[in-house]
Amino acid sequence: MWVLETVAVAFGMYSALPVPHIEWNEKNMRYALVAFPLVGAVLGLAWWGACALCKLLALPTILRGAILCVLPALVTGGIHLDGYADTSDALASHAAPERKQEILRDPHCGAFAVIRLCVYFVAFFALCCVLEPTDETLWCAGFGFVLSRALSGLALAALPIAEGSSLARTFADTADKRRTSAILAAVTGACIAGLYLHGGRAIFLVETCVLLVVAIHYADTARRQFGGLSGDLAGWFLVKTEFWALAALVVTPYAERML
């Protein structure tokens, strides 16, 4: 029963999908971060189903791209985009870490958040339009959604949390950090292996290197500019990870054909 409760906690927090309301407690929160990648698996299945439906209905490419573009926001309810927007405002302030933390807690949306969100959606929509929805690319896209959440959960379990970040600290402090980190590291390894098996050596190498750079940049930004991780920073990282994973998946075949 506690396993189902743990999954319900993860989906209730990190998705907009209907799940039973579960009271958080020490037992069902212990491995909530482990269940987080399951949201990515559902999102990958949603992409697969959307592409199959678009093919069945012979919908134009631009409409298929629009559907794929909005699906992550529909499945998650935009929770990670909220963190991306808040973090964009904080980073644009070039203020001290304490002031950046205040900006993260401000419920208002600033100009830089709007600008960054517009740029993100235009770029993500373009990538969705040019993605060739073969079985191989859809498998790799699904691994990207799972991988982004595994890396985000792994960071919360392993890296310091900033002062005043109550929600991130709740998930981090209640987690069995040793086992959570081990399981999420295994999920990360499985996703990377899946990229190699379904995408080939080039996509495996490019996407792995790109995500490694994004992860290092995330850890460094959180430490230097915010004094540690927070829920908003975790959302910022997840959005960037999803974007760059898809960019690597789309761009690599084009680069191979040009070389």
C-alpha atoms as a PDB file:
ATOM      1  CA  MET A   1       0.000   0.000   0.000  1.00  0.00           C
ATOM      2  CA  TRP A   2       2.783   2.436   0.855  1.00  0.00           C
ATOM      3  CA  VAL A   3       4.225   1.931  -2.642  1.00  0.00           C
ATOM      4  CA  LEU A   4       0.974   3.109  -4.237  1.00  0.00           C
ATOM      5  CA  GLU A   5       0.824   5.982  -1.780  1.00  0.00           C
ATOM      6  CA  THR A   6       4.382   6.969  -2.712  1.00  0.00           C
ATOM      7  CA  VAL A   7       3.478   6.981  -6.406  1.00  0.00           C
ATOM      8  CA  ALA A   8       0.352   9.019  -5.626  1.00  0.00           C
ATOM      9  CA  VAL A   9       2.447  11.573  -3.701  1.00  0.00           C
ATOM     10  CA  ALA A  10       4.831  11.960  -6.657  1.00  0.00           C
ATOM     11  CA  PHE A  11       2.052  12.276  -9.232  1.00  0.00           C
ATOM     12  CA  GLY A  12      -0.004  14.546  -7.000  1.00  0.00           C
ATOM     13  CA  MET A  13       2.937  16.904  -6.577  1.00  0.00           C
ATOM     14  CA  TYR A  14       4.604  16.769  -9.984  1.00  0.00           C
ATOM     15  CA  SER A  15       1.712  16.217 -12.384  1.00  0.00           C
ATOM     16  CA  ALA A  16      -1.804  17.417 -13.111  1.00  0.00           C
ATOM     17  CA  LEU A  17      -3.063  13.857 -13.525  1.00  0.00           C
ATOM     18  CA  PRO A  18      -5.970  12.842 -11.251  1.00  0.00           C
ATOM     19  CA  VAL A  19      -4.727  10.722  -8.342  1.00  0.00           C
ATOM     20  CA  PRO A  20      -6.225  10.018  -4.896  1.00  0.00           C
ATOM     21  CA  HIS A  21      -5.398  12.617  -2.273  1.00  0.00           C
ATOM     22  CA  ILE A  22      -2.770  11.197   0.060  1.00  0.00           C
ATOM     23  CA  GLU A  23      -1.704  12.708   3.359  1.00  0.00           C
ATOM     24  CA  TRP A  24       2.055  13.078   3.329  1.00  0.00           C
ATOM     25  CA  ASN A  25       3.884  11.130   6.021  1.00  0.00           C
ATOM     26  CA  GLU A  26       7.390   9.857   6.668  1.00  0.00           C
ATOM     27  CA  LYS A  27       6.679   6.466   5.101  1.00  0.00           C
ATOM     28  CA  ASN A  28       5.168   7.543   1.770  1.00  0.00           C
ATOM     29  CA  MET A  29       7.603  10.445   1.390  1.00  0.00           C
ATOM     30  CA  ARG A  30      10.707   8.310   1.874  1.00  0.00           C
ATOM     31  CA  TYR A  31      10.870   7.255  -1.778  1.00  0.00           C
ATOM     32  CA  ALA A  32       8.701   9.928  -3.430  1.00  0.00           C
ATOM     33  CA  LEU A  33      11.695  11.147  -5.449  1.00  0.00           C
ATOM     34  CA  VAL A  34      12.178   7.608  -6.754  1.00  0.00           C
ATOM     35  CA  ALA A  35       8.635   7.679  -8.171  1.00  0.00           C
ATOM     36  CA  PHE A  36       9.233  11.063  -9.825  1.00  0.00           C
ATOM     37  CA  PRO A  37      10.649   9.565 -13.095  1.00  0.00           C
ATOM     38  CA  LEU A  38       7.365   7.676 -13.545  1.00  0.00           C
ATOM     39  CA  VAL A  39       5.783  11.019 -14.471  1.00  0.00           C
ATOM     40  CA  GLY A  40       8.326  11.230 -17.294  1.00  0.00           C
ATOM     41  CA  ALA A  41       7.387   7.725 -18.426  1.00  0.00           C
ATOM     42  CA  VAL A  42       3.722   8.749 -18.623  1.00  0.00           C
ATOM     43  CA  LEU A  43       4.723  11.836 -20.597  1.00  0.00           C
ATOM     44  CA  GLY A  44       6.730   9.688 -23.005  1.00  0.00           C
ATOM     45  CA  LEU A  45       3.693   7.427 -23.519  1.00  0.00           C
ATOM     46  CA  ALA A  46       1.541  10.511 -24.090  1.00  0.00           C
ATOM     47  CA  TRP A  47       3.939  11.662 -26.828  1.00  0.00           C
ATOM     48  CA  TRP A  48       3.825   8.213 -28.404  1.00  0.00           C
ATOM     49  CA  GLY A  49       0.015   8.174 -28.359  1.00  0.00           C
ATOM     50  CA  ALA A  50      -0.218  11.714 -29.719  1.00  0.00           C
ATOM     51  CA  CYS A  51       2.080  10.874 -32.647  1.00  0.00           C
ATOM     52  CA  ALA A  52       0.083   7.723 -33.414  1.00  0.00           C
ATOM     53  CA  LEU A  53      -3.166   9.705 -33.376  1.00  0.00           C
ATOM     54  CA  CYS A  54      -1.722  12.441 -35.588  1.00  0.00           C
ATOM     55  CA  LYS A  55      -0.568   9.814 -38.083  1.00  0.00           C
ATOM     56  CA  LEU A  56      -3.973   8.101 -38.032  1.00  0.00           C
ATOM     57  CA  LEU A  57      -5.777  11.403 -38.665  1.00  0.00           C
ATOM     58  CA  ALA A  58      -3.141  12.578 -41.172  1.00  0.00           C
ATOM     59  CA  LEU A  59      -2.739  15.850 -39.295  1.00  0.00           C
ATOM     60  CA  PRO A  60      -0.222  18.390 -40.627  1.00  0.00           C
ATOM     61  CA  THR A  61       3.252  18.483 -39.120  1.00  0.00           C
ATOM     62  CA  ILE A  62       2.774  21.896 -37.546  1.00  0.00           C
ATOM     63  CA  LEU A  63      -0.313  20.707 -35.664  1.00  0.00           C
ATOM     64  CA  ARG A  64       1.507  17.607 -34.452  1.00  0.00           C
ATOM     65  CA  GLY A  65       4.340  19.861 -33.278  1.00  0.00           C
ATOM     66  CA  ALA A  66       1.912  22.067 -31.365  1.00  0.00           C
ATOM     67  CA  ILE A  67       0.368  19.057 -29.622  1.00  0.00           C
ATOM     68  CA  LEU A  68       3.759  17.679 -28.620  1.00  0.00           C
ATOM     69  CA  CYS A  69       4.833  21.127 -27.439  1.00  0.00           C
ATOM     70  CA  VAL A  70       1.926  21.621 -25.031  1.00  0.00           C
ATOM     71  CA  LEU A  71       1.712  18.042 -23.720  1.00  0.00           C
ATOM     72  CA  PRO A  72       4.452  18.475 -21.069  1.00  0.00           C
ATOM     73  CA  ALA A  73       2.656  21.510 -19.646  1.00  0.00           C
ATOM     74  CA  LEU A  74      -0.701  19.697 -19.706  1.00  0.00           C
ATOM     75  CA  VAL A  75       0.630  16.570 -18.015  1.00  0.00           C
ATOM     76  CA  THR A  76       2.601  18.446 -15.333  1.00  0.00           C
ATOM     77  CA  GLY A  77       0.236  21.369 -14.873  1.00  0.00           C
ATOM     78  CA  GLY A  78       3.135  23.724 -15.560  1.00  0.00           C
ATOM     79  CA  ILE A  79       4.749  23.251 -12.142  1.00  0.00           C
ATOM     80  CA  HIS A  80       8.264  23.090 -13.597  1.00  0.00           C
ATOM     81  CA  LEU A  81       7.625  26.028 -15.925  1.00  0.00           C
ATOM     82  CA  ASP A  82       6.727  28.077 -12.854  1.00  0.00           C
ATOM     83  CA  GLY A  83      10.151  27.323 -11.406  1.00  0.00           C
ATOM     84  CA  TYR A  84      11.781  28.105 -14.742  1.00  0.00           C
ATOM     85  CA  ALA A  85      10.046  31.500 -14.858  1.00  0.00           C
ATOM     86  CA  ASP A  86      10.895  32.420 -11.261  1.00  0.00           C
ATOM     87  CA  THR A  87      14.525  31.390 -11.681  1.00  0.00           C
ATOM     88  CA  SER A  88      14.807  33.351 -14.922  1.00  0.00           C
ATOM     89  CA  ASP A  89      13.684  36.490 -13.084  1.00  0.00           C
ATOM     90  CA  ALA A  90      16.112  35.846 -10.235  1.00  0.00           C
ATOM     91  CA  LEU A  91      19.094  35.222 -12.532  1.00  0.00           C
ATOM     92  CA  ALA A  92      18.306  38.344 -14.577  1.00  0.00           C
ATOM     93  CA  SER A  93      18.463  40.474 -11.431  1.00  0.00           C
ATOM     94  CA  HIS A  94      22.233  39.872 -11.000  1.00  0.00           C
ATOM     95  CA  ALA A  95      21.608  40.443  -7.291  1.00  0.00           C
ATOM     96  CA  ALA A  96      23.141  38.816  -4.237  1.00  0.00           C
ATOM     97  CA  PRO A  97      22.057  35.243  -3.415  1.00  0.00           C
ATOM     98  CA  GLU A  98      19.782  36.449  -0.603  1.00  0.00           C
ATOM     99  CA  ARG A  99      17.956  38.816  -2.969  1.00  0.00           C
ATOM    100  CA  LYS A 100      17.668  36.076  -5.593  1.00  0.00           C
ATOM    101  CA  GLN A 101      15.993  33.863  -2.999  1.00  0.00           C
ATOM    102  CA  GLU A 102      13.512  36.669  -2.288  1.00  0.00           C
ATOM    103  CA  ILE A 103      12.703  36.916  -6.003  1.00  0.00           C
ATOM    104  CA  LEU A 104      12.071  33.162  -6.124  1.00  0.00           C
ATOM    105  CA  ARG A 105       9.516  33.538  -3.334  1.00  0.00           C
ATOM    106  CA  ASP A 106       7.795  36.493  -5.035  1.00  0.00           C
ATOM    107  CA  PRO A 107       4.508  35.227  -6.573  1.00  0.00           C
ATOM    108  CA  HIS A 108       4.571  37.912  -9.292  1.00  0.00           C
ATOM    109  CA  CYS A 109       5.887  37.166 -12.784  1.00  0.00           C
ATOM    110  CA  GLY A 110       8.525  39.595 -14.027  1.00  0.00           C
ATOM    111  CA  ALA A 111       9.373  40.714 -17.547  1.00  0.00           C
ATOM    112  CA  PHE A 112      12.370  38.404 -17.883  1.00  0.00           C
ATOM    113  CA  ALA A 113      10.242  35.404 -16.931  1.00  0.00           C
ATOM    114  CA  VAL A 114       7.760  36.216 -19.696  1.00  0.00           C
ATOM    115  CA  ILE A 115      10.530  36.771 -22.243  1.00  0.00           C
ATOM    116  CA  ARG A 116      12.309  33.522 -21.376  1.00  0.00           C
ATOM    117  CA  LEU A 117       9.069  31.540 -21.471  1.00  0.00           C
ATOM    118  CA  CYS A 118       8.189  32.926 -24.899  1.00  0.00           C
ATOM    119  CA  VAL A 119      11.651  32.088 -26.229  1.00  0.00           C
ATOM    120  CA  TYR A 120      11.448  28.614 -24.695  1.00  0.00           C
ATOM    121  CA  PHE A 121       8.056  27.764 -26.205  1.00  0.00           C
ATOM    122  CA  VAL A 122       8.977  29.050 -29.673  1.00  0.00           C
ATOM    123  CA  ALA A 123      12.202  27.006 -29.656  1.00  0.00           C
ATOM    124  CA  PHE A 124      10.580  23.903 -28.154  1.00  0.00           C
ATOM    125  CA  PHE A 125       7.712  24.120 -30.666  1.00  0.00           C
ATOM    126  CA  ALA A 126      10.213  24.303 -33.530  1.00  0.00           C
ATOM    127  CA  LEU A 127      12.035  21.221 -32.244  1.00  0.00           C
ATOM    128  CA  CYS A 128       8.738  19.338 -31.915  1.00  0.00           C
ATOM    129  CA  CYS A 129       7.840  20.235 -35.516  1.00  0.00           C
ATOM    130  CA  VAL A 130      11.097  18.985 -37.027  1.00  0.00           C
ATOM    131  CA  LEU A 131      11.293  15.828 -34.904  1.00  0.00           C
ATOM    132  CA  GLU A 132      10.802  12.757 -37.069  1.00  0.00           C
ATOM    133  CA  PRO A 133       8.403  10.597 -35.005  1.00  0.00           C
ATOM    134  CA  THR A 134       9.960   7.209 -35.676  1.00  0.00           C
ATOM    135  CA  ASP A 135       9.972   4.443 -33.077  1.00  0.00           C
ATOM    136  CA  GLU A 136      13.624   5.168 -32.357  1.00  0.00           C
ATOM    137  CA  THR A 137      13.193   8.909 -31.785  1.00  0.00           C
ATOM    138  CA  LEU A 138      10.073   8.435 -29.658  1.00  0.00           C
ATOM    139  CA  TRP A 139      11.903   5.921 -27.491  1.00  0.00           C
ATOM    140  CA  CYS A 140      14.745   8.416 -27.068  1.00  0.00           C
ATOM    141  CA  ALA A 141      12.331  11.272 -26.329  1.00  0.00           C
ATOM    142  CA  GLY A 142      10.701   9.131 -23.647  1.00  0.00           C
ATOM    143  CA  PHE A 143      14.090   8.359 -22.119  1.00  0.00           C
ATOM    144  CA  GLY A 144      14.733  12.108 -22.080  1.00  0.00           C
ATOM    145  CA  PHE A 145      11.588  12.784 -20.046  1.00  0.00           C
ATOM    146  CA  VAL A 146      12.471  10.044 -17.552  1.00  0.00           C
ATOM    147  CA  LEU A 147      16.138  11.047 -17.432  1.00  0.00           C
ATOM    148  CA  SER A 148      15.380  14.702 -16.679  1.00  0.00           C
ATOM    149  CA  ARG A 149      13.341  13.686 -13.633  1.00  0.00           C
ATOM    150  CA  ALA A 150      15.846  11.107 -12.459  1.00  0.00           C
ATOM    151  CA  LEU A 151      18.622  13.715 -12.581  1.00  0.00           C
ATOM    152  CA  SER A 152      16.435  16.310 -10.846  1.00  0.00           C
ATOM    153  CA  GLY A 153      15.558  13.895  -8.036  1.00  0.00           C
ATOM    154  CA  LEU A 154      19.181  12.784  -7.751  1.00  0.00           C
ATOM    155  CA  ALA A 155      20.298  16.403  -7.335  1.00  0.00           C
ATOM    156  CA  LEU A 156      17.708  17.024  -4.591  1.00  0.00           C
ATOM    157  CA  ALA A 157      18.848  13.915  -2.744  1.00  0.00           C
ATOM    158  CA  ALA A 158      22.585  14.562  -3.087  1.00  0.00           C
ATOM    159  CA  LEU A 159      23.211  18.334  -3.131  1.00  0.00           C
ATOM    160  CA  PRO A 160      22.750  21.007  -0.423  1.00  0.00           C
ATOM    161  CA  ILE A 161      19.368  22.726  -0.177  1.00  0.00           C
ATOM    162  CA  ALA A 162      19.191  26.517   0.115  1.00  0.00           C
ATOM    163  CA  GLU A 163      17.897  28.138   3.274  1.00  0.00           C
ATOM    164  CA  GLY A 164      14.211  29.010   3.064  1.00  0.00           C
ATOM    165  CA  SER A 165      13.402  26.405   0.403  1.00  0.00           C
ATOM    166  CA  SER A 166      10.713  24.618   2.384  1.00  0.00           C
ATOM    167  CA  LEU A 167       9.204  22.338  -0.262  1.00  0.00           C
ATOM    168  CA  ALA A 168      12.516  21.115  -1.689  1.00  0.00           C
ATOM    169  CA  ARG A 169      13.811  20.588   1.840  1.00  0.00           C
ATOM    170  CA  THR A 170      10.699  18.584   2.735  1.00  0.00           C
ATOM    171  CA  PHE A 171      11.291  16.139  -0.112  1.00  0.00           C
ATOM    172  CA  ALA A 172      15.058  16.034   0.481  1.00  0.00           C
ATOM    173  CA  ASP A 173      14.958  15.652   4.267  1.00  0.00           C
ATOM    174  CA  THR A 174      12.263  12.957   4.300  1.00  0.00           C
ATOM    175  CA  ALA A 175      13.989  10.899   1.591  1.00  0.00           C
ATOM    176  CA  ASP A 176      16.139   7.878   2.304  1.00  0.00           C
ATOM    177  CA  LYS A 177      18.988   9.659   0.559  1.00  0.00           C
ATOM    178  CA  ARG A 178      21.352   6.713   0.172  1.00  0.00           C
ATOM    179  CA  ARG A 179      18.831   4.355  -1.394  1.00  0.00           C
ATOM    180  CA  THR A 180      17.078   7.121  -3.315  1.00  0.00           C
ATOM    181  CA  SER A 181      20.362   8.246  -4.848  1.00  0.00           C
ATOM    182  CA  ALA A 182      21.299   4.651  -5.725  1.00  0.00           C
ATOM    183  CA  ILE A 183      17.968   3.921  -7.397  1.00  0.00           C
ATOM    184  CA  LEU A 184      17.879   7.203  -9.327  1.00  0.00           C
ATOM    185  CA  ALA A 185      21.479   6.679 -10.432  1.00  0.00           C
ATOM    186  CA  ALA A 186      20.443   3.248 -11.726  1.00  0.00           C
ATOM    187  CA  VAL A 187      17.464   4.789 -13.558  1.00  0.00           C
ATOM    188  CA  THR A 188      19.815   7.369 -15.074  1.00  0.00           C
ATOM    189  CA  GLY A 189      22.163   4.631 -16.236  1.00  0.00           C
ATOM    190  CA  ALA A 190      19.293   2.624 -17.718  1.00  0.00           C
ATOM    191  CA  CYS A 191      18.043   5.660 -19.657  1.00  0.00           C
ATOM    192  CA  ILE A 192      21.524   6.379 -21.007  1.00  0.00           C
ATOM    193  CA  ALA A 193      21.835   2.726 -22.069  1.00  0.00           C
ATOM    194  CA  GLY A 194      18.420   3.029 -23.726  1.00  0.00           C
ATOM    195  CA  LEU A 195      19.636   6.033 -25.701  1.00  0.00           C
ATOM    196  CA  TYR A 196      22.494   3.950 -27.029  1.00  0.00           C
ATOM    197  CA  LEU A 197      20.302   0.963 -27.904  1.00  0.00           C
ATOM    198  CA  HIS A 198      17.520   2.941 -29.608  1.00  0.00           C
ATOM    199  CA  GLY A 199      19.308   6.071 -30.819  1.00  0.00           C
ATOM    200  CA  GLY A 200      22.723   4.810 -31.749  1.00  0.00           C
ATOM    201  CA  ARG A 201      26.216   5.920 -30.794  1.00  0.00           C
ATOM    202  CA  ALA A 202      25.969   9.508 -32.056  1.00  0.00           C
ATOM    203  CA  ILE A 203      22.768  10.396 -30.177  1.00  0.00           C
ATOM    204  CA  PHE A 204      24.068   8.571 -27.090  1.00  0.00           C
ATOM    205  CA  LEU A 205      27.316  10.553 -27.080  1.00  0.00           C
ATOM    206  CA  VAL A 206      25.838  13.954 -27.935  1.00  0.00           C
ATOM    207  CA  GLU A 207      22.888  13.751 -25.557  1.00  0.00           C
ATOM    208  CA  THR A 208      24.967  12.376 -22.689  1.00  0.00           C
ATOM    209  CA  CYS A 209      27.568  15.139 -23.080  1.00  0.00           C
ATOM    210  CA  VAL A 210      24.927  17.857 -23.387  1.00  0.00           C
ATOM    211  CA  LEU A 211      23.053  16.703 -20.289  1.00  0.00           C
ATOM    212  CA  LEU A 212      26.302  16.412 -18.338  1.00  0.00           C
ATOM    213  CA  VAL A 213      27.089  20.045 -19.149  1.00  0.00           C
ATOM    214  CA  VAL A 214      23.564  21.136 -18.162  1.00  0.00           C
ATOM    215  CA  ALA A 215      23.802  19.219 -14.866  1.00  0.00           C
ATOM    216  CA  ILE A 216      27.204  20.694 -13.985  1.00  0.00           C
ATOM    217  CA  HIS A 217      25.949  24.186 -14.839  1.00  0.00           C
ATOM    218  CA  TYR A 218      22.879  23.596 -12.638  1.00  0.00           C
ATOM    219  CA  ALA A 219      24.914  22.508  -9.622  1.00  0.00           C
ATOM    220  CA  ASP A 220      27.341  25.415 -10.038  1.00  0.00           C
ATOM    221  CA  THR A 221      24.553  27.995 -10.513  1.00  0.00           C
ATOM    222  CA  ALA A 222      22.650  26.730  -7.473  1.00  0.00           C
ATOM    223  CA  ARG A 223      25.751  26.837  -5.284  1.00  0.00           C
ATOM    224  CA  ARG A 224      27.224  30.162  -6.378  1.00  0.00           C
ATOM    225  CA  GLN A 225      24.145  32.251  -7.099  1.00  0.00           C
ATOM    226  CA  PHE A 226      21.525  30.850  -4.709  1.00  0.00           C
ATOM    227  CA  GLY A 227      23.413  29.157  -1.900  1.00  0.00           C
ATOM    228  CA  GLY A 228      21.889  25.756  -2.679  1.00  0.00           C
ATOM    229  CA  LEU A 229      19.042  24.046  -4.482  1.00  0.00           C
ATOM    230  CA  SER A 230      15.363  24.975  -4.250  1.00  0.00           C
ATOM    231  CA  GLY A 231      12.095  23.799  -5.760  1.00  0.00           C
ATOM    232  CA  ASP A 232      12.147  26.596  -8.333  1.00  0.00           C
ATOM    233  CA  LEU A 233      15.715  25.783  -9.343  1.00  0.00           C
ATOM    234  CA  ALA A 234      14.757  22.125  -9.687  1.00  0.00           C
ATOM    235  CA  GLY A 235      11.970  23.147 -12.089  1.00  0.00           C
ATOM    236  CA  TRP A 236      14.376  25.390 -14.022  1.00  0.00           C
ATOM    237  CA  PHE A 237      16.813  22.499 -14.361  1.00  0.00           C
ATOM    238  CA  LEU A 238      14.136  20.027 -15.473  1.00  0.00           C
ATOM    239  CA  VAL A 239      12.830  22.356 -18.181  1.00  0.00           C
ATOM    240  CA  LYS A 240      16.349  22.994 -19.471  1.00  0.00           C
ATOM    241  CA  THR A 241      17.153  19.280 -19.388  1.00  0.00           C
ATOM    242  CA  GLU A 242      14.039  18.366 -21.375  1.00  0.00           C
ATOM    243  CA  PHE A 243      14.764  21.076 -23.911  1.00  0.00           C
ATOM    244  CA  TRP A 244      18.409  20.190 -24.489  1.00  0.00           C
ATOM    245  CA  ALA A 245      17.679  16.463 -24.573  1.00  0.00           C
ATOM    246  CA  LEU A 246      15.175  17.075 -27.374  1.00  0.00           C
ATOM    247  CA  ALA A 247      17.555  19.481 -29.132  1.00  0.00           C
ATOM    248  CA  ALA A 248      20.315  16.864 -29.112  1.00  0.00           C
ATOM    249  CA  LEU A 249      17.878  14.251 -30.424  1.00  0.00           C
ATOM    250  CA  VAL A 250      16.760  16.507 -33.289  1.00  0.00           C
ATOM    251  CA  VAL A 251      20.061  18.116 -34.251  1.00  0.00           C
ATOM    252  CA  THR A 252      22.343  15.063 -34.174  1.00  0.00           C
ATOM    253  CA  PRO A 253      20.855  13.300 -37.267  1.00  0.00           C
ATOM    254  CA  TYR A 254      21.017  16.563 -39.238  1.00  0.00           C
ATOM    255  CA  ALA A 255      24.652  17.042 -38.258  1.00  0.00           C
ATOM    256  CA  GLU A 256      25.453  13.439 -39.244  1.00  0.00           C
ATOM    257  CA  ARG A 257      23.938  13.941 -42.697  1.00  0.00           C
ATOM    258  CA  MET A 258      25.939  17.147 -43.202  1.00  0.00           C
ATOM    259  CA  LEU A 259      29.281  15.563 -42.277  1.00  0.00           C
END
